[in-house]
C-alpha atoms as a PDB file:
ATOM      1  CA  MET A   1      83.432 101.639  85.061  1.00  0.00           C
ATOM      2  CA  MET A   2      86.575 100.073  86.670  1.00  0.00           C
ATOM      3  CA  LYS A   3      88.398 101.837  83.743  1.00  0.00           C
ATOM      4  CA  GLN A   4      86.388 105.477  84.555  1.00  0.00           C
ATOM      5  CA  TYR A   5      87.463 105.099  88.357  1.00  0.00           C
ATOM      6  CA  LEU A   6      91.437 103.979  87.669  1.00  0.00           C
ATOM      7  CA  ALA A   7      91.388 106.952  84.438  1.00  0.00           C
ATOM      8  CA  LEU A   8      90.090 109.387  87.206  1.00  0.00           C
ATOM      9  CA  ARG A   9      92.854 108.183  89.788  1.00  0.00           C
ATOM     10  CA  ALA A  10      95.751 108.414  87.247  1.00  0.00           C
ATOM     11  CA  GLU A  11      94.546 111.943  86.255  1.00  0.00           C
ATOM     12  CA  HIS A  12      94.636 112.743  90.001  1.00  0.00           C
ATOM     13  CA  ASN A  13      97.970 111.445  90.706  1.00  0.00           C
ATOM     14  CA  GLN A  14      99.113 113.797  88.134  1.00  0.00           C
ATOM     15  CA  TRP A  15      97.352 116.986  89.861  1.00  0.00           C
ATOM     16  CA  VAL A  16      98.896 115.907  93.083  1.00  0.00           C
ATOM     17  CA  ASN A  17     102.604 115.517  91.546  1.00  0.00           C
ATOM     18  CA  THR A  18     101.997 118.856  89.933  1.00  0.00           C
ATOM     19  CA  ARG A  19     101.025 120.751  93.233  1.00  0.00           C
ATOM     20  CA  LEU A  20     103.646 119.088  95.206  1.00  0.00           C
ATOM     21  CA  TYR A  21     106.507 119.585  92.765  1.00  0.00           C
ATOM     22  CA  ASP A  22     105.363 123.326  92.554  1.00  0.00           C
ATOM     23  CA  VAL A  23     105.787 123.541  96.466  1.00  0.00           C
ATOM     24  CA  VAL A  24     109.463 121.277  95.929  1.00  0.00           C
ATOM     25  CA  ALA A  25     110.630 124.022  93.472  1.00  0.00           C
ATOM     26  CA  GLN A  26     110.288 126.973  95.951  1.00  0.00           C
ATOM     27  CA  VAL A  27     112.849 125.053  98.205  1.00  0.00           C
ATOM     28  CA  SER A  28     116.546 125.708  98.206  1.00  0.00           C
ATOM     29  CA  ASP A  29     118.938 122.725  96.409  1.00  0.00           C
ATOM     30  CA  ALA A  30     120.854 122.149 100.170  1.00  0.00           C
ATOM     31  CA  ASP A  31     117.118 121.762 101.807  1.00  0.00           C
ATOM     32  CA  TYR A  32     115.985 119.665  98.694  1.00  0.00           C
ATOM     33  CA  THR A  33     119.064 117.548  99.809  1.00  0.00           C
ATOM     34  CA  ALA A  34     119.209 117.146 103.425  1.00  0.00           C
ATOM     35  CA  ASP A  35     118.615 114.153 105.206  1.00  0.00           C
ATOM     36  CA  ARG A  36     115.392 114.958 107.108  1.00  0.00           C
ATOM     37  CA  GLY A  37     115.356 111.884 108.974  1.00  0.00           C
ATOM     38  CA  ALA A  38     112.625 110.388 106.334  1.00  0.00           C
ATOM     39  CA  PHE A  39     112.515 106.810 105.428  1.00  0.00           C
ATOM     40  CA  PHE A  40     114.760 107.635 102.627  1.00  0.00           C
ATOM     41  CA  GLY A  41     116.533 110.567 104.011  1.00  0.00           C
ATOM     42  CA  SER A  42     115.812 113.658 101.847  1.00  0.00           C
ATOM     43  CA  ILE A  43     112.913 115.455  99.806  1.00  0.00           C
ATOM     44  CA  HIS A  44     115.200 114.422  96.609  1.00  0.00           C
ATOM     45  CA  GLN A  45     115.937 110.743  97.681  1.00  0.00           C
ATOM     46  CA  THR A  46     111.987 110.378  98.539  1.00  0.00           C
ATOM     47  CA  LEU A  47     111.095 111.464  94.996  1.00  0.00           C
ATOM     48  CA  ASN A  48     113.264 109.536  93.354  1.00  0.00           C
ATOM     49  CA  HIS A  49     112.291 106.297  95.083  1.00  0.00           C
ATOM     50  CA  ILE A  50     108.675 107.382  93.996  1.00  0.00           C
ATOM     51  CA  VAL A  51     109.816 107.671  90.289  1.00  0.00           C
ATOM     52  CA  THR A  52     112.278 104.129  90.441  1.00  0.00           C
ATOM     53  CA  THR A  53     109.731 102.323  92.051  1.00  0.00           C
ATOM     54  CA  ASP A  54     107.317 103.877  89.587  1.00  0.00           C
ATOM     55  CA  MET A  55     109.317 103.031  86.335  1.00  0.00           C
ATOM     56  CA  ILE A  56     109.517  99.239  87.677  1.00  0.00           C
ATOM     57  CA  TRP A  57     105.711  99.234  88.236  1.00  0.00           C
ATOM     58  CA  MET A  58     105.081 101.030  84.769  1.00  0.00           C
ATOM     59  CA  HIS A  59     107.301  98.272  82.949  1.00  0.00           C
ATOM     60  CA  ARG A  60     105.407  95.442  84.423  1.00  0.00           C
ATOM     61  CA  ILE A  61     102.106  97.454  83.122  1.00  0.00           C
ATOM     62  CA  ASP A  62     103.056  98.461  79.742  1.00  0.00           C
ATOM     63  CA  GLY A  63     106.427  96.848  79.242  1.00  0.00           C
ATOM     64  CA  GLN A  64     108.197  99.919  77.928  1.00  0.00           C
ATOM     65  CA  SER A  65     111.686 101.421  79.703  1.00  0.00           C
ATOM     66  CA  GLU A  66     112.520  98.652  82.046  1.00  0.00           C
ATOM     67  CA  VAL A  67     114.893 100.094  84.714  1.00  0.00           C
ATOM     68  CA  GLN A  68     117.087  97.632  87.116  1.00  0.00           C
ATOM     69  CA  ALA A  69     117.630  99.447  90.471  1.00  0.00           C
ATOM     70  CA  ASP A  70     117.488  98.889  94.096  1.00  0.00           C
ATOM     71  CA  LEU A  71     114.389 101.329  95.666  1.00  0.00           C
ATOM     72  CA  ASP A  72     116.728 103.976  96.984  1.00  0.00           C
ATOM     73  CA  THR A  73     118.308 104.165  93.738  1.00  0.00           C
ATOM     74  CA  VAL A  74     119.325 107.947  92.464  1.00  0.00           C
ATOM     75  CA  LEU A  75     118.618 108.094  89.090  1.00  0.00           C
ATOM     76  CA  HIS A  76     118.298 111.638  88.861  1.00  0.00           C
ATOM     77  CA  GLU A  77     120.275 114.062  90.078  1.00  0.00           C
ATOM     78  CA  THR A  78     118.970 117.130  90.130  1.00  0.00           C
ATOM     79  CA  PHE A  79     115.265 118.280  90.779  1.00  0.00           C
ATOM     80  CA  ALA A  80     114.878 119.308  87.048  1.00  0.00           C
ATOM     81  CA  GLU A  81     115.949 115.795  85.725  1.00  0.00           C
ATOM     82  CA  THR A  82     113.388 114.378  88.779  1.00  0.00           C
ATOM     83  CA  ARG A  83     110.805 116.683  88.074  1.00  0.00           C
ATOM     84  CA  ALA A  84     110.784 115.591  84.263  1.00  0.00           C
ATOM     85  CA  ALA A  85     111.030 112.318  84.520  1.00  0.00           C
ATOM     86  CA  ARG A  86     107.918 112.431  86.941  1.00  0.00           C
ATOM     87  CA  ASP A  87     105.729 114.542  84.345  1.00  0.00           C
ATOM     88  CA  ALA A  88     106.617 111.721  82.165  1.00  0.00           C
ATOM     89  CA  LEU A  89     105.638 108.783  84.352  1.00  0.00           C
ATOM     90  CA  ASP A  90     102.359 110.470  85.141  1.00  0.00           C
ATOM     91  CA  ALA A  91     101.691 110.862  81.050  1.00  0.00           C
ATOM     92  CA  ARG A  92     102.622 107.277  80.908  1.00  0.00           C
ATOM     93  CA  MET A  93     100.492 105.726  83.498  1.00  0.00           C
ATOM     94  CA  ILE A  94      97.415 108.174  81.979  1.00  0.00           C
ATOM     95  CA  ALA A  95      98.153 106.727  78.972  1.00  0.00           C
ATOM     96  CA  ALA A  96      98.567 103.140  80.117  1.00  0.00           C
ATOM     97  CA  VAL A  97      94.825 103.417  81.380  1.00  0.00           C
ATOM     98  CA  ASP A  98      93.187 105.213  78.649  1.00  0.00           C
ATOM     99  CA  GLY A  99      94.856 102.140  76.014  1.00  0.00           C
ATOM    100  CA  MET A 100      92.772  99.769  78.284  1.00  0.00           C
ATOM    101  CA  ASP A 101      89.343  98.713  78.583  1.00  0.00           C
ATOM    102  CA  ASP A 102      87.876  96.795  81.674  1.00  0.00           C
ATOM    103  CA  ALA A 103      88.800  93.185  80.282  1.00  0.00           C
ATOM    104  CA  ALA A 104      92.594  94.346  79.899  1.00  0.00           C
ATOM    105  CA  LEU A 105      92.594  96.379  83.191  1.00  0.00           C
ATOM    106  CA  ALA A 106      91.103  93.337  85.312  1.00  0.00           C
ATOM    107  CA  ALA A 107      93.773  90.717  83.186  1.00  0.00           C
ATOM    108  CA  PRO A 108      96.654  89.251  85.311  1.00  0.00           C
ATOM    109  CA  ILE A 109      99.950  90.269  84.885  1.00  0.00           C
ATOM    110  CA  ARG A 110     102.366  88.048  85.667  1.00  0.00           C
ATOM    111  CA  PHE A 111     106.225  89.344  86.979  1.00  0.00           C
ATOM    112  CA  LYS A 112     109.022  88.349  89.221  1.00  0.00           C
ATOM    113  CA  ALA A 113     108.723  90.037  92.619  1.00  0.00           C
ATOM    114  CA  ARG A 114     112.113  91.860  94.064  1.00  0.00           C
ATOM    115  CA  ALA A 115     112.250  89.069  96.572  1.00  0.00           C
ATOM    116  CA  GLY A 116     112.350  86.410  93.181  1.00  0.00           C
ATOM    117  CA  ASN A 117     108.949  84.890  93.888  1.00  0.00           C
ATOM    118  CA  GLU A 118     106.568  84.869  91.023  1.00  0.00           C
ATOM    119  CA  VAL A 119     103.845  86.646  91.428  1.00  0.00           C
ATOM    120  CA  VAL A 120     100.225  87.036  89.411  1.00  0.00           C
ATOM    121  CA  LEU A 121      98.244  90.220  90.330  1.00  0.00           C
ATOM    122  CA  PRO A 122      95.355  91.883  87.928  1.00  0.00           C
ATOM    123  CA  THR A 123      96.444  94.951  86.010  1.00  0.00           C
ATOM    124  CA  ASN A 124      94.023  96.908  87.816  1.00  0.00           C
ATOM    125  CA  LEU A 125      95.318  96.285  91.546  1.00  0.00           C
ATOM    126  CA  MET A 126      99.218  97.092  89.876  1.00  0.00           C
ATOM    127  CA  ILE A 127      97.672 100.587  88.931  1.00  0.00           C
ATOM    128  CA  ALA A 128      95.540 101.049  92.593  1.00  0.00           C
ATOM    129  CA  ASN A 129      98.975 100.213  94.343  1.00  0.00           C
ATOM    130  CA  LEU A 130     101.350 102.215  92.299  1.00  0.00           C
ATOM    131  CA  CYS A 131      98.867 104.890  93.207  1.00  0.00           C
ATOM    132  CA  ASN A 132      98.489 104.043  96.970  1.00  0.00           C
ATOM    133  CA  HIS A 133     102.134 104.134  96.924  1.00  0.00           C
ATOM    134  CA  GLU A 134     102.888 107.498  95.793  1.00  0.00           C
ATOM    135  CA  THR A 135     100.265 108.952  98.351  1.00  0.00           C
ATOM    136  CA  HIS A 136     102.015 107.700 101.298  1.00  0.00           C
ATOM    137  CA  HIS A 137     105.912 109.353 100.334  1.00  0.00           C
ATOM    138  CA  ARG A 138     103.950 112.128  99.055  1.00  0.00           C
ATOM    139  CA  GLY A 139     102.687 112.268 102.220  1.00  0.00           C
ATOM    140  CA  GLN A 140     106.582 112.130 103.801  1.00  0.00           C
ATOM    141  CA  VAL A 141     107.443 114.544 101.041  1.00  0.00           C
ATOM    142  CA  HIS A 142     104.431 116.842 102.679  1.00  0.00           C
ATOM    143  CA  THR A 143     105.449 116.514 106.203  1.00  0.00           C
ATOM    144  CA  MET A 144     109.404 117.356 105.179  1.00  0.00           C
ATOM    145  CA  LEU A 145     108.110 120.467 103.426  1.00  0.00           C
ATOM    146  CA  THR A 146     106.287 121.288 106.333  1.00  0.00           C
ATOM    147  CA  GLY A 147     109.048 121.559 108.489  1.00  0.00           C
ATOM    148  CA  LEU A 148     110.736 123.863 105.957  1.00  0.00           C
ATOM    149  CA  GLY A 149     107.854 125.884 106.596  1.00  0.00           C
ATOM    150  CA  GLN A 150     106.317 125.591 102.912  1.00  0.00           C
ATOM    151  CA  GLU A 151     102.640 125.324 102.593  1.00  0.00           C
ATOM    152  CA  VAL A 152     101.642 122.831 100.755  1.00  0.00           C
ATOM    153  CA  PRO A 153      98.028 122.783  99.033  1.00  0.00           C
ATOM    154  CA  PRO A 154      95.336 120.299  99.444  1.00  0.00           C
ATOM    155  CA  LEU A 155      96.256 117.028  97.684  1.00  0.00           C
ATOM    156  CA  ASP A 156      93.343 114.882  98.742  1.00  0.00           C
ATOM    157  CA  PHE A 157      91.181 113.826  96.101  1.00  0.00           C
ATOM    158  CA  PHE A 158      88.093 115.312  97.235  1.00  0.00           C
ATOM    159  CA  PRO A 159      89.626 118.942  96.299  1.00  0.00           C
ATOM    160  CA  PHE A 160      90.992 117.347  93.023  1.00  0.00           C
ATOM    161  CA  LEU A 161      86.869 116.335  92.236  1.00  0.00           C
ATOM    162  CA  MET A 162      86.189 120.239  93.255  1.00  0.00           C
ATOM    163  CA  ALA A 163      88.860 121.888  91.568  1.00  0.00           C
ATOM    164  CA  THR A 164      88.091 119.664  88.440  1.00  0.00           C
ATOM    165  CA  GLY A 165      84.304 120.383  88.336  1.00  0.00           C
ATOM    166  CA  ARG A 166      83.722 116.626  88.989  1.00  0.00           C
ATOM    167  CA  ALA A 167      81.935 118.060  92.193  1.00  0.00           C
ATOM    168  CA  SER A 168      80.373 121.259  93.734  1.00  0.00           C
ATOM    169  CA  GLY A 169      79.158 123.013  96.342  1.00  0.00           C
END
């Protein structure tokens, strides 16, 4: 049951990112990179933060592609590079969940937090945290896009369930 739920969350995460990035692709480079007063400044910096953080968490989960970067590091200079990294990370998260059973998802992972302390956290909670963190910052991007007059489609879980035929009505 845990695997089924996390697989659905990973798929939803990819669906939302695709929808959000499709809207971001419509803004000018100047609007994309302008400081909008958000926690990470611009749409570009916020999307890069999400990618950087996801890379750190995914390394903890699957042991691949370690990145040593501060959370405000801009790893990708253009929207196209950022989107390519996002697409790869979404596929990587889906593959990671697909490759685990409930026992593996419940298994603890030990890692050193950015503050230097040792942390032990079950894999399933790491994936849940990753999805939640993205939701938090995508909301900031949504606000910035709305401020630019862009119409952002629904990103919630329920519209995803409707769109993918998992709910009807």
